[in-house]
């Protein structure tokens, strides 16, 4: 009898630990939606800036890489633009360099606002340039040196630039808001906690009762 108790005690202890671990895992899974929603409602500004900033940073790196990898084609396209030749040559170097600088500034937290403002200024310039082409200030058959793989029409380019400009401006406003009011999150946590608390949550007990009811229902059918 003593040998049996010695062997069963560790087994019972292991089963108890496994049961506690499973209960903890189920509780975490059931509360995960509430935690995610509460986090998003509390830190939506940081999430928005991170998402849009990462998007613009990737876009700048992508188009700058395409321009430098095909620098001859980029220079030829710039020389065919309605710009003085010296300005076109300088722009062929300056534009991709500025795009890389903007991407680096966005990637650094302390200079993110500067990078977003620089991105907004560049997008305003690019959008205005495309808008003048649509107004027939110069020919709309000029080659586009934006660095995109797929060549699109000037009208589609204008719509895309407006969208990107709004992203840059909105991200700059949010980043500035975060820097001016760093404690703004604390003022809204109770209100957002109430919103998050309205999300249906299953406790472990209700989940366990539901599982038991399923098993009991199957046993009754049998």
Protein backbone atom coordinates (compact mmCIF):
# COMPACT_ATOMS: atom_id res chain seq x y z
CA UNK A 1 0.00 0.00 0.00
CA UNK A 2 2.87 2.37 0.81
CA UNK A 3 4.48 1.80 -2.59
CA UNK A 4 1.18 2.56 -4.29
CA UNK A 5 0.79 5.88 -2.46
CA UNK A 6 4.34 6.84 -3.30
CA UNK A 7 3.70 6.34 -7.00
CA UNK A 8 0.25 7.96 -7.13
CA UNK A 9 1.13 11.15 -5.25
CA UNK A 10 3.52 12.49 -7.92
CA UNK A 11 1.02 11.52 -10.61
CA UNK A 12 -1.75 13.41 -8.83
CA UNK A 13 0.56 16.38 -8.42
CA UNK A 14 1.40 16.37 -12.14
CA UNK A 15 -2.27 16.11 -13.10
CA UNK A 16 -3.06 19.01 -10.76
CA UNK A 17 -0.35 21.15 -12.36
CA UNK A 18 -1.58 20.31 -15.85
CA UNK A 19 -5.15 21.15 -14.84
CA UNK A 20 -4.11 24.52 -13.39
CA UNK A 21 -2.11 25.29 -16.53
CA UNK A 22 -5.05 24.41 -18.78
CA UNK A 23 -7.37 26.58 -16.72
CA UNK A 24 -4.93 29.48 -17.02
CA UNK A 25 -4.64 28.99 -20.79
CA UNK A 26 -8.43 28.91 -21.22
CA UNK A 27 -8.84 32.07 -19.15
CA UNK A 28 -6.21 33.88 -21.24
CA UNK A 29 -7.86 32.80 -24.50
CA UNK A 30 -11.32 33.86 -23.31
CA UNK A 31 -10.10 37.27 -22.15
CA UNK A 32 -7.90 37.94 -25.19
CA UNK A 33 -10.56 39.84 -27.24
CA UNK A 34 -11.28 42.12 -24.29
CA UNK A 35 -7.58 42.80 -23.74
CA UNK A 36 -6.95 43.51 -27.44
CA UNK A 37 -9.91 45.89 -27.78
CA UNK A 38 -9.04 47.70 -24.55
CA UNK A 39 -5.44 48.12 -25.71
CA UNK A 40 -6.50 49.43 -29.14
CA UNK A 41 -8.96 51.90 -27.62
CA UNK A 42 -6.35 53.18 -25.19
CA UNK A 43 -3.34 53.44 -27.52
CA UNK A 44 -5.06 54.02 -30.87
CA UNK A 45 -2.91 57.10 -31.56
CA UNK A 46 0.35 55.20 -31.15
CA UNK A 47 -1.00 52.32 -33.22
CA UNK A 48 -2.11 54.67 -36.01
CA UNK A 49 1.21 56.51 -36.14
CA UNK A 50 3.15 53.25 -36.09
CA UNK A 51 1.04 51.74 -38.87
CA UNK A 52 0.98 54.76 -41.20
CA UNK A 53 4.58 55.68 -40.42
CA UNK A 54 5.74 52.17 -41.24
CA UNK A 55 3.73 52.28 -44.46
CA UNK A 56 5.30 55.57 -45.58
CA UNK A 57 8.76 54.44 -44.53
CA UNK A 58 8.43 51.29 -46.63
CA UNK A 59 7.07 53.28 -49.56
CA UNK A 60 9.95 55.78 -49.49
CA UNK A 61 12.56 53.03 -49.31
CA UNK A 62 10.87 51.16 -52.16
CA UNK A 63 10.64 54.08 -54.59
CA UNK A 64 14.11 55.38 -53.69
CA UNK A 65 15.62 51.95 -54.30
CA UNK A 66 13.92 51.76 -57.71
CA UNK A 67 15.24 55.18 -58.67
CA UNK A 68 18.81 54.44 -57.62
CA UNK A 69 18.81 50.93 -59.12
CA UNK A 70 17.71 52.39 -62.48
CA UNK A 71 19.39 55.75 -62.11
CA UNK A 72 19.97 56.16 -65.85
CA UNK A 73 16.26 55.79 -66.58
CA UNK A 74 15.40 58.07 -63.66
CA UNK A 75 17.79 60.74 -64.95
CA UNK A 76 16.38 60.45 -68.47
CA UNK A 77 12.83 60.83 -67.14
CA UNK A 78 13.81 63.89 -65.09
CA UNK A 79 15.53 65.53 -68.08
CA UNK A 80 12.32 65.14 -70.08
CA UNK A 81 10.31 66.97 -67.44
CA UNK A 82 9.43 70.67 -68.01
CA UNK A 83 12.27 71.79 -65.74
CA UNK A 84 15.52 73.62 -66.43
CA UNK A 85 18.28 71.13 -67.12
CA UNK A 86 20.38 72.01 -64.01
CA UNK A 87 17.29 71.71 -61.79
CA UNK A 88 16.33 68.38 -63.39
CA UNK A 89 19.82 66.97 -62.75
CA UNK A 90 19.77 68.15 -59.14
CA UNK A 91 16.25 66.74 -58.68
CA UNK A 92 17.35 63.33 -59.97
CA UNK A 93 19.75 63.12 -57.00
CA UNK A 94 17.80 65.16 -54.47
CA UNK A 95 14.40 63.45 -54.64
CA UNK A 96 15.49 59.84 -53.90
CA UNK A 97 17.95 61.11 -51.29
CA UNK A 98 15.16 63.06 -49.58
CA UNK A 99 12.97 59.97 -49.65
CA UNK A 100 15.64 57.92 -47.90
CA UNK A 101 16.17 60.68 -45.33
CA UNK A 102 12.42 60.83 -44.66
CA UNK A 103 12.30 57.05 -44.19
CA UNK A 104 15.21 57.13 -41.72
CA UNK A 105 13.67 60.01 -39.76
CA UNK A 106 10.33 58.21 -39.51
CA UNK A 107 12.08 55.06 -38.28
CA UNK A 108 13.65 56.93 -35.33
CA UNK A 109 11.14 57.76 -32.59
CA UNK A 110 12.77 61.07 -31.58
CA UNK A 111 12.71 62.36 -35.19
CA UNK A 112 9.48 60.72 -36.35
CA UNK A 113 7.57 64.01 -36.39
CA UNK A 114 10.24 65.63 -38.56
CA UNK A 115 10.12 62.70 -40.96
CA UNK A 116 6.33 62.85 -41.21
CA UNK A 117 6.36 66.61 -41.80
CA UNK A 118 9.04 66.18 -44.48
CA UNK A 119 6.93 63.46 -46.08
CA UNK A 120 3.91 65.76 -46.05
CA UNK A 121 5.86 68.55 -47.76
CA UNK A 122 7.17 66.19 -50.45
CA UNK A 123 3.72 64.76 -51.06
CA UNK A 124 2.27 68.28 -51.40
CA UNK A 125 4.93 69.06 -54.03
CA UNK A 126 4.40 65.80 -55.92
CA UNK A 127 0.61 66.19 -55.83
CA UNK A 128 0.81 69.77 -57.06
CA UNK A 129 3.13 68.73 -59.89
CA UNK A 130 0.73 65.98 -61.02
CA UNK A 131 -2.22 68.37 -60.65
CA UNK A 132 -0.55 70.85 -63.02
CA UNK A 133 -0.13 68.04 -65.54
CA UNK A 134 -3.85 67.29 -65.32
CA UNK A 135 -4.59 71.00 -65.92
CA UNK A 136 -2.57 70.78 -69.14
CA UNK A 137 0.03 73.24 -67.91
CA UNK A 138 2.41 70.83 -69.63
CA UNK A 139 1.89 67.65 -71.57
CA UNK A 140 0.35 64.74 -69.67
CA UNK A 141 2.34 62.35 -71.88
CA UNK A 142 5.54 63.06 -70.00
CA UNK A 143 7.17 60.01 -68.34
CA UNK A 144 6.59 59.56 -64.63
CA UNK A 145 9.71 59.31 -62.46
CA UNK A 146 7.92 58.34 -59.24
CA UNK A 147 9.75 55.03 -58.92
CA UNK A 148 6.71 52.76 -59.02
CA UNK A 149 7.04 49.44 -60.85
CA UNK A 150 3.66 49.76 -62.58
CA UNK A 151 3.18 52.90 -64.65
CA UNK A 152 -0.22 54.48 -64.01
CA UNK A 153 -2.01 57.41 -65.60
CA UNK A 154 -1.59 60.94 -64.30
CA UNK A 155 -5.19 60.93 -63.04
CA UNK A 156 -4.67 57.73 -61.07
CA UNK A 157 -1.37 59.13 -59.82
CA UNK A 158 -3.13 62.29 -58.63
CA UNK A 159 -5.70 60.26 -56.66
CA UNK A 160 -2.95 58.09 -55.14
CA UNK A 161 -0.93 61.17 -54.17
CA UNK A 162 -3.95 62.75 -52.46
CA UNK A 163 -4.42 59.59 -50.41
CA UNK A 164 -0.74 59.48 -49.45
CA UNK A 165 -0.76 63.19 -48.61
CA UNK A 166 -3.71 62.71 -46.25
CA UNK A 167 -1.88 59.82 -44.59
CA UNK A 168 1.24 61.94 -44.01
CA UNK A 169 -0.67 64.96 -42.73
CA UNK A 170 -2.91 62.88 -40.44
CA UNK A 171 0.09 60.99 -39.04
CA UNK A 172 1.90 64.28 -38.41
CA UNK A 173 -1.11 65.67 -36.52
CA UNK A 174 -1.42 62.56 -34.36
CA UNK A 175 2.32 62.46 -33.63
CA UNK A 176 2.23 66.14 -32.65
CA UNK A 177 -0.80 65.44 -30.47
CA UNK A 178 1.04 62.64 -28.69
CA UNK A 179 4.06 64.85 -28.02
CA UNK A 180 2.01 67.79 -26.71
CA UNK A 181 -0.27 65.67 -24.51
CA UNK A 182 1.70 62.61 -23.37
CA UNK A 183 -0.73 61.89 -20.51
CA UNK A 184 -3.84 62.05 -22.67
CA UNK A 185 -4.20 58.25 -22.48
CA UNK A 186 -4.76 58.30 -18.71
CA UNK A 187 -7.71 60.69 -19.04
CA UNK A 188 -9.63 58.32 -21.31
CA UNK A 189 -8.84 54.94 -19.77
CA UNK A 190 -12.04 54.77 -17.61
CA UNK A 191 -14.26 55.69 -20.57
CA UNK A 192 -12.56 53.20 -22.86
CA UNK A 193 -12.60 50.56 -20.16
CA UNK A 194 -16.39 50.90 -20.08
CA UNK A 195 -16.54 50.43 -23.85
CA UNK A 196 -14.27 47.40 -23.68
CA UNK A 197 -16.30 45.95 -20.81
CA UNK A 198 -19.38 45.81 -23.05
CA UNK A 199 -17.70 43.12 -25.17
CA UNK A 200 -19.17 39.69 -24.32
CA UNK A 201 -16.72 37.71 -22.24
CA UNK A 202 -16.85 34.07 -21.23
CA UNK A 203 -15.51 33.17 -17.83
CA UNK A 204 -13.88 29.83 -17.16
CA UNK A 205 -16.85 28.69 -15.08
CA UNK A 206 -19.36 29.41 -17.83
CA UNK A 207 -17.10 27.72 -20.35
CA UNK A 208 -16.74 24.67 -18.09
CA UNK A 209 -20.52 24.52 -17.55
CA UNK A 210 -21.02 24.66 -21.30
CA UNK A 211 -18.60 21.76 -21.85
CA UNK A 212 -20.24 19.75 -19.07
CA UNK A 213 -23.67 20.35 -20.60
CA UNK A 214 -22.41 19.06 -23.92
CA UNK A 215 -21.07 15.88 -22.34
CA UNK A 216 -24.21 15.35 -20.25
CA UNK A 217 -26.36 15.88 -23.32
CA UNK A 218 -24.42 13.25 -25.22
CA UNK A 219 -24.72 10.81 -22.31
CA UNK A 220 -28.47 11.30 -22.13
CA UNK A 221 -28.82 10.59 -25.85
CA UNK A 222 -26.88 7.36 -25.42
